[in-house]
């Protein structure tokens, strides 16, 4: 490492401290929860890392590295913690190591009681302003030669608006047409369609190939109101086919995900059971956590909104980097098993 690398690490440390200050000053409780879990919230779209506990006495047991701290944080909220935040390591398996992704990464996750997903956009805009001011950064961030305007208000696009600018027919009609309409749209785009592809798979193929690459790259974009057919723990928007969810993009890179959290125990159980079935086909099957479901049934869950934000991706833009790798000293993952690249050592 040279002096430039150490300056990056100093700036990274300063940004983390500014993030803590932002939430503490607003009355959020900082929490520090476990990275190893015997069970997880089942999410069919995510692969996880597993390990095994080998006690000197007693039974062995499988544990899993968390893909996010959501499980533990929701238990705390249900127990009465109030609004909380956490900065911790999270882990995603079977995803390529690239300039914008590492299987081990730093997650900022926060939950705001009494708020919904749209109010969480406002909080995120305020966080960005706080970080830019605290490090005396310009609001026009850069990633390599690409500039991204991060001033509030962020550009807000509904998923239906994003689709209508790229595709015909519009998303509402595609969803009404079910798997057949989505499959026809995918084929028109030249995408491969198989018998196993359900509506969720087809939507993602279309979105990732035709919509996401065409999102404005010169400013922060909030893409909101995702189709409810995508299984998540986001609350359904009443009387619509949408879920109260958004994702934040900087320069075309997704950096944050937000829900109005589902509070209906029956809806949460339906999600668990459907995702439990999906997890049986995963590379690393794992049990779904039943304790959280029991807590939701017995204690309930307050109205709140949760945001998960990848800090390396955000800091990449804030610090003018074209990759997250120089923000990960000794941590850049190399699936070949070789030593990290020279810029990491």
Protein backbone atom coordinates (compact mmCIF):
# COMPACT_ATOMS: atom_id res chain seq x y z
CA UNK A 1 0.00 0.00 0.00
CA UNK A 2 1.15 3.55 -0.66
CA UNK A 3 0.20 6.95 0.78
CA UNK A 4 -2.80 7.26 -1.55
CA UNK A 5 -4.22 3.99 -0.24
CA UNK A 6 -3.84 5.10 3.37
CA UNK A 7 -5.57 8.38 2.57
CA UNK A 8 -8.46 6.39 1.11
CA UNK A 9 -8.65 4.35 4.30
CA UNK A 10 -8.63 7.53 6.41
CA UNK A 11 -11.44 8.96 4.32
CA UNK A 12 -13.36 5.69 4.56
CA UNK A 13 -12.99 5.73 8.36
CA UNK A 14 -14.17 9.34 8.44
CA UNK A 15 -17.24 8.48 6.34
CA UNK A 16 -18.14 5.62 8.69
CA UNK A 17 -17.85 7.94 11.68
CA UNK A 18 -20.01 10.56 9.92
CA UNK A 19 -22.61 7.86 9.24
CA UNK A 20 -22.68 6.92 12.92
CA UNK A 21 -22.98 10.56 13.92
CA UNK A 22 -25.89 11.06 11.52
CA UNK A 23 -28.01 8.29 13.04
CA UNK A 24 -27.01 8.84 16.66
CA UNK A 25 -27.86 12.53 16.41
CA UNK A 26 -31.35 11.51 15.24
CA UNK A 27 -31.95 9.18 18.17
CA UNK A 28 -31.27 5.83 16.52
CA UNK A 29 -29.74 3.11 18.69
CA UNK A 30 -26.62 1.52 17.22
CA UNK A 31 -26.69 -2.27 17.57
CA UNK A 32 -24.10 -4.98 16.99
CA UNK A 33 -25.58 -8.39 16.20
CA UNK A 34 -24.19 -11.83 15.35
CA UNK A 35 -22.63 -12.67 11.98
CA UNK A 36 -23.29 -16.39 12.44
CA UNK A 37 -26.86 -17.71 12.56
CA UNK A 38 -28.28 -21.23 12.91
CA UNK A 39 -31.16 -20.19 10.60
CA UNK A 40 -31.93 -17.25 8.33
CA UNK A 41 -34.79 -15.40 6.72
CA UNK A 42 -35.20 -17.53 3.58
CA UNK A 43 -34.59 -15.66 0.32
CA UNK A 44 -34.63 -17.82 -2.78
CA UNK A 45 -32.61 -15.29 -4.79
CA UNK A 46 -29.61 -15.31 -2.42
CA UNK A 47 -26.93 -17.94 -1.85
CA UNK A 48 -25.20 -18.01 1.53
CA UNK A 49 -22.00 -19.29 3.12
CA UNK A 50 -22.20 -22.17 5.59
CA UNK A 51 -19.86 -23.37 8.32
CA UNK A 52 -20.00 -25.99 11.07
CA UNK A 53 -19.59 -25.61 14.83
CA UNK A 54 -17.54 -28.45 16.30
CA UNK A 55 -17.85 -28.40 20.10
CA UNK A 56 -15.53 -30.50 22.26
CA UNK A 57 -18.65 -31.96 23.87
CA UNK A 58 -22.14 -32.15 22.47
CA UNK A 59 -23.65 -32.17 19.02
CA UNK A 60 -22.19 -30.46 15.98
CA UNK A 61 -24.31 -27.75 14.38
CA UNK A 62 -24.47 -25.91 11.07
CA UNK A 63 -24.27 -22.12 11.04
CA UNK A 64 -24.59 -19.58 8.23
CA UNK A 65 -22.94 -16.23 7.59
CA UNK A 66 -25.58 -13.52 7.41
CA UNK A 67 -26.48 -12.03 4.00
CA UNK A 68 -27.71 -9.01 6.02
CA UNK A 69 -28.40 -8.30 9.71
CA UNK A 70 -32.17 -8.10 9.05
CA UNK A 71 -33.13 -11.15 11.13
CA UNK A 72 -31.56 -10.00 14.38
CA UNK A 73 -32.54 -6.36 13.91
CA UNK A 74 -36.19 -7.28 13.41
CA UNK A 75 -36.13 -9.30 16.62
CA UNK A 76 -34.82 -6.23 18.45
CA UNK A 77 -37.47 -3.97 16.92
CA UNK A 78 -40.24 -6.38 17.88
CA UNK A 79 -38.87 -6.41 21.45
CA UNK A 80 -39.16 -2.61 21.66
CA UNK A 81 -35.75 -1.24 20.64
CA UNK A 82 -37.12 1.75 18.74
CA UNK A 83 -35.34 3.01 15.60
CA UNK A 84 -31.99 1.25 15.15
CA UNK A 85 -29.01 1.10 12.82
CA UNK A 86 -26.01 -1.16 12.30
CA UNK A 87 -22.77 -1.19 10.29
CA UNK A 88 -21.50 -4.73 9.83
CA UNK A 89 -20.04 -7.29 7.45
CA UNK A 90 -22.47 -9.27 5.30
CA UNK A 91 -21.87 -12.19 2.97
CA UNK A 92 -23.30 -13.37 -0.37
CA UNK A 93 -22.17 -16.61 -1.97
CA UNK A 94 -22.11 -17.67 -5.63
CA UNK A 95 -21.93 -14.09 -6.96
CA UNK A 96 -18.99 -12.98 -9.10
CA UNK A 97 -16.27 -10.83 -7.55
CA UNK A 98 -16.23 -7.67 -9.66
CA UNK A 99 -15.35 -3.99 -9.43
CA UNK A 100 -18.70 -3.39 -7.70
CA UNK A 101 -19.18 -6.60 -5.70
CA UNK A 102 -17.24 -8.61 -3.15
CA UNK A 103 -18.72 -11.71 -1.47
CA UNK A 104 -17.81 -10.12 1.90
CA UNK A 105 -18.93 -6.49 2.11
CA UNK A 106 -19.92 -3.78 4.57
CA UNK A 107 -23.63 -3.18 5.07
CA UNK A 108 -25.35 -0.18 6.62
CA UNK A 109 -28.86 -1.16 7.66
CA UNK A 110 -31.35 1.01 9.49
CA UNK A 111 -34.99 0.82 10.55
CA UNK A 112 -37.11 3.90 11.24
CA UNK A 113 -40.20 3.38 13.34
CA UNK A 114 -43.37 5.16 12.24
CA UNK A 115 -42.07 5.74 8.71
CA UNK A 116 -42.77 4.27 5.30
CA UNK A 117 -40.62 3.68 2.24
CA UNK A 118 -41.17 7.15 0.79
CA UNK A 119 -40.12 8.85 4.03
CA UNK A 120 -36.98 6.71 3.96
CA UNK A 121 -36.01 8.36 0.67
CA UNK A 122 -35.94 11.69 2.52
CA UNK A 123 -33.72 10.22 5.25
CA UNK A 124 -31.34 8.80 2.63
CA UNK A 125 -31.09 12.19 0.90
CA UNK A 126 -30.26 13.78 4.25
CA UNK A 127 -27.60 11.13 4.92
CA UNK A 128 -25.96 11.85 1.57
CA UNK A 129 -25.95 15.59 2.25
CA UNK A 130 -24.39 14.94 5.68
CA UNK A 131 -21.60 12.81 4.20
CA UNK A 132 -20.85 15.23 1.38
CA UNK A 133 -20.66 18.17 3.80
CA UNK A 134 -18.69 16.28 6.44
CA UNK A 135 -15.92 15.35 4.00
CA UNK A 136 -16.16 18.62 2.02
CA UNK A 137 -17.09 16.73 -1.15
CA UNK A 138 -18.73 18.13 -4.26
CA UNK A 139 -22.31 16.95 -4.89
CA UNK A 140 -21.29 15.79 -8.38
CA UNK A 141 -19.57 12.50 -7.56
CA UNK A 142 -17.31 10.65 -9.96
CA UNK A 143 -16.59 7.03 -10.72
CA UNK A 144 -13.66 7.11 -13.04
CA UNK A 145 -14.73 9.56 -15.75
CA UNK A 146 -18.44 9.25 -14.93
CA UNK A 147 -20.15 12.05 -13.00
CA UNK A 148 -23.23 11.48 -10.84
CA UNK A 149 -25.24 14.33 -9.30
CA UNK A 150 -26.17 13.28 -5.76
CA UNK A 151 -27.98 16.44 -4.69
CA UNK A 152 -31.48 16.12 -3.25
CA UNK A 153 -34.04 15.55 -4.43
CA UNK A 154 -33.09 12.28 -6.05
CA UNK A 155 -34.79 11.46 -9.34
CA UNK A 156 -37.78 9.27 -8.46
CA UNK A 157 -39.04 6.82 -11.09
CA UNK A 158 -41.71 4.20 -10.54
CA UNK A 159 -40.95 0.78 -11.94
CA UNK A 160 -43.91 1.25 -14.32
CA UNK A 161 -42.43 4.53 -15.60
CA UNK A 162 -39.01 2.94 -16.09
CA UNK A 163 -40.55 0.08 -18.10
CA UNK A 164 -42.76 2.34 -20.22
CA UNK A 165 -39.74 4.34 -21.37
CA UNK A 166 -38.09 1.17 -22.71
CA UNK A 167 -40.77 -1.37 -23.58
CA UNK A 168 -44.23 -1.89 -24.98
CA UNK A 169 -46.72 -2.94 -23.75
CA UNK A 170 -46.50 -1.24 -20.38
CA UNK A 171 -45.60 -3.12 -17.21
CA UNK A 172 -49.14 -3.18 -15.81
CA UNK A 173 -50.40 -4.97 -18.93
CA UNK A 174 -47.43 -7.33 -18.87
CA UNK A 175 -48.19 -8.30 -15.28
CA UNK A 176 -51.90 -8.73 -16.08
CA UNK A 177 -50.89 -11.09 -18.90
CA UNK A 178 -48.96 -13.31 -16.51
CA UNK A 179 -46.13 -15.61 -17.51
CA UNK A 180 -47.22 -15.83 -21.17
CA UNK A 181 -47.06 -12.05 -21.72
CA UNK A 182 -43.75 -11.77 -19.88
CA UNK A 183 -42.29 -14.67 -21.85
CA UNK A 184 -43.39 -13.09 -25.15
CA UNK A 185 -41.78 -9.80 -24.15
CA UNK A 186 -38.54 -11.59 -23.20
CA UNK A 187 -38.45 -13.40 -26.54
CA UNK A 188 -38.94 -10.12 -28.42
CA UNK A 189 -35.83 -8.89 -26.64
CA UNK A 190 -33.92 -11.95 -27.81
CA UNK A 191 -33.72 -13.45 -24.33
CA UNK A 192 -33.67 -17.15 -23.58
CA UNK A 193 -36.91 -18.46 -22.04
CA UNK A 194 -37.22 -21.93 -20.49
CA UNK A 195 -40.14 -23.98 -19.21
CA UNK A 196 -38.91 -23.49 -15.68
CA UNK A 197 -39.11 -19.68 -15.88
CA UNK A 198 -41.91 -18.33 -13.73
CA UNK A 199 -43.23 -14.74 -13.75
CA UNK A 200 -40.56 -13.61 -11.27
CA UNK A 201 -37.73 -15.08 -13.37
CA UNK A 202 -39.09 -13.54 -16.56
CA UNK A 203 -39.52 -10.13 -14.95
CA UNK A 204 -35.92 -10.14 -13.76
CA UNK A 205 -34.60 -11.18 -17.17
CA UNK A 206 -36.45 -8.30 -18.84
CA UNK A 207 -35.54 -5.78 -16.16
CA UNK A 208 -31.83 -6.63 -16.05
CA UNK A 209 -31.41 -6.68 -19.84
CA UNK A 210 -33.65 -3.85 -21.03
CA UNK A 211 -34.59 -1.53 -18.15
CA UNK A 212 -31.76 -1.32 -15.61
CA UNK A 213 -29.07 -0.51 -18.24
CA UNK A 214 -31.21 2.42 -19.47
CA UNK A 215 -31.72 4.12 -16.11
CA UNK A 216 -30.24 7.65 -16.03
CA UNK A 217 -26.59 7.34 -15.02
CA UNK A 218 -25.81 11.01 -14.37
CA UNK A 219 -27.79 11.38 -11.14
CA UNK A 220 -29.05 9.44 -8.14
CA UNK A 221 -32.18 7.50 -9.13
CA UNK A 222 -34.76 5.97 -6.80
CA UNK A 223 -36.68 3.21 -8.57
CA UNK A 224 -39.83 2.56 -6.55
CA UNK A 225 -43.02 0.45 -6.48
CA UNK A 226 -41.69 -2.95 -7.48
CA UNK A 227 -44.12 -5.64 -8.68
CA UNK A 228 -45.59 -7.52 -5.73
CA UNK A 229 -45.05 -10.79 -7.64
CA UNK A 230 -41.40 -10.56 -6.52
CA UNK A 231 -41.44 -12.25 -3.09
CA UNK A 232 -40.10 -9.92 -0.39
CA UNK A 233 -41.09 -8.80 3.09
CA UNK A 234 -42.20 -5.45 1.67
CA UNK A 235 -45.75 -4.34 2.40
CA UNK A 236 -48.20 -4.54 -0.49
CA UNK A 237 -49.44 -1.17 -1.79
CA UNK A 238 -53.21 -1.38 -1.25
CA UNK A 239 -55.34 -1.88 -4.37
CA UNK A 240 -52.35 -2.16 -6.72
CA UNK A 241 -50.00 -4.86 -8.10
CA UNK A 242 -47.06 -3.05 -6.46
CA UNK A 243 -45.04 -3.47 -3.27
CA UNK A 244 -43.81 -0.53 -1.18
CA UNK A 245 -40.17 -0.97 -2.10
CA UNK A 246 -37.41 1.06 -3.74
CA UNK A 247 -33.82 0.65 -4.83
CA UNK A 248 -31.29 3.48 -5.17
CA UNK A 249 -28.97 3.65 -8.17
CA UNK A 250 -25.82 5.75 -8.57
CA UNK A 251 -24.30 5.78 -12.06
CA UNK A 252 -26.41 2.74 -12.93
CA UNK A 253 -25.12 0.80 -9.88
CA UNK A 254 -27.63 -0.37 -7.26
CA UNK A 255 -26.45 0.76 -3.81
CA UNK A 256 -29.50 0.50 -1.51
CA UNK A 257 -32.75 -1.39 -1.06
CA UNK A 258 -35.74 -0.28 1.04
CA UNK A 259 -39.16 -1.61 2.14
CA UNK A 260 -42.12 -0.47 4.09
CA UNK A 261 -41.84 -3.53 6.28
CA UNK A 262 -44.61 -6.12 6.21
CA UNK A 263 -46.35 -6.30 9.60
CA UNK A 264 -49.05 -8.88 8.83
CA UNK A 265 -47.99 -12.23 10.34
CA UNK A 266 -50.00 -14.18 7.75
CA UNK A 267 -48.28 -12.41 4.85
CA UNK A 268 -44.89 -13.03 6.51
CA UNK A 269 -45.71 -16.73 6.92
CA UNK A 270 -46.74 -16.99 3.26
CA UNK A 271 -43.40 -15.46 2.27
CA UNK A 272 -41.47 -17.86 4.52
CA UNK A 273 -43.19 -20.98 3.26
CA UNK A 274 -42.80 -20.06 -0.43
CA UNK A 275 -39.14 -19.16 0.06
CA UNK A 276 -38.47 -22.26 2.15
CA UNK A 277 -39.47 -24.32 -0.87
CA UNK A 278 -37.19 -22.25 -3.11
CA UNK A 279 -34.27 -22.67 -0.69
CA UNK A 280 -34.41 -26.45 -1.08
CA UNK A 281 -33.11 -25.91 -4.64
CA UNK A 282 -30.32 -23.61 -3.48
CA UNK A 283 -26.62 -24.46 -3.62
CA UNK A 284 -26.54 -24.06 0.17
CA UNK A 285 -29.96 -24.96 1.57
CA UNK A 286 -30.64 -23.61 5.05
CA UNK A 287 -33.54 -23.61 7.52
CA UNK A 288 -35.79 -20.59 7.69
CA UNK A 289 -35.84 -18.89 11.08
CA UNK A 290 -39.14 -19.79 12.78
CA UNK A 291 -38.46 -17.78 15.92
CA UNK A 292 -39.06 -14.50 14.11
CA UNK A 293 -42.41 -15.79 12.82
CA UNK A 294 -43.39 -16.78 16.36
CA UNK A 295 -42.42 -13.34 17.64
CA UNK A 296 -44.46 -11.64 14.91
CA UNK A 297 -47.51 -13.72 15.77
CA UNK A 298 -47.24 -13.19 19.53
CA UNK A 299 -45.85 -9.65 19.82
CA UNK A 300 -46.61 -8.12 16.45
CA UNK A 301 -44.34 -5.76 14.58
CA UNK A 302 -44.55 -1.95 14.53
CA UNK A 303 -44.96 0.11 11.37
CA UNK A 304 -41.48 0.92 10.13
CA UNK A 305 -39.28 1.18 7.08
CA UNK A 306 -35.91 -0.53 6.63
CA UNK A 307 -33.02 0.38 4.34
CA UNK A 308 -29.98 -1.76 3.49
CA UNK A 309 -27.09 0.12 1.85
CA UNK A 310 -23.77 -1.23 0.57
CA UNK A 311 -21.12 1.09 1.98
CA UNK A 312 -18.25 0.12 -0.33
CA UNK A 313 -20.37 0.97 -3.37
CA UNK A 314 -21.42 4.32 -1.89
CA UNK A 315 -17.87 5.15 -0.78
CA UNK A 316 -16.58 4.23 -4.25
CA UNK A 317 -18.58 7.14 -5.63
CA UNK A 318 -17.95 9.50 -2.71
CA UNK A 319 -14.20 8.96 -2.99
CA UNK A 320 -13.97 9.04 -6.78
CA UNK A 321 -12.96 5.41 -7.30
CA UNK A 322 -13.80 3.27 -10.33
CA UNK A 323 -13.84 0.08 -8.21
CA UNK A 324 -14.51 -0.96 -4.63
CA UNK A 325 -11.21 -2.87 -4.49
CA UNK A 326 -8.98 -0.14 -3.04
CA UNK A 327 -11.56 0.28 -0.28
CA UNK A 328 -11.04 -3.36 0.77
CA UNK A 329 -7.48 -3.75 2.10
CA UNK A 330 -6.72 -7.48 2.21
CA UNK A 331 -10.39 -8.19 1.59
CA UNK A 332 -10.73 -8.32 -2.19
CA UNK A 333 -11.98 -11.81 -2.99
CA UNK A 334 -10.08 -13.84 -5.58
CA UNK A 335 -11.87 -17.11 -6.39
CA UNK A 336 -8.65 -18.50 -7.93
CA UNK A 337 -7.11 -18.64 -4.47
CA UNK A 338 -4.24 -16.35 -5.49
CA UNK A 339 -2.95 -13.55 -3.31
CA UNK A 340 -4.96 -10.29 -3.59
CA UNK A 341 -3.99 -7.91 -6.37
CA UNK A 342 -1.03 -5.63 -5.66
CA UNK A 343 -3.22 -2.58 -5.09
CA UNK A 344 -4.78 -4.44 -2.15
CA UNK A 345 -1.57 -5.44 -0.39
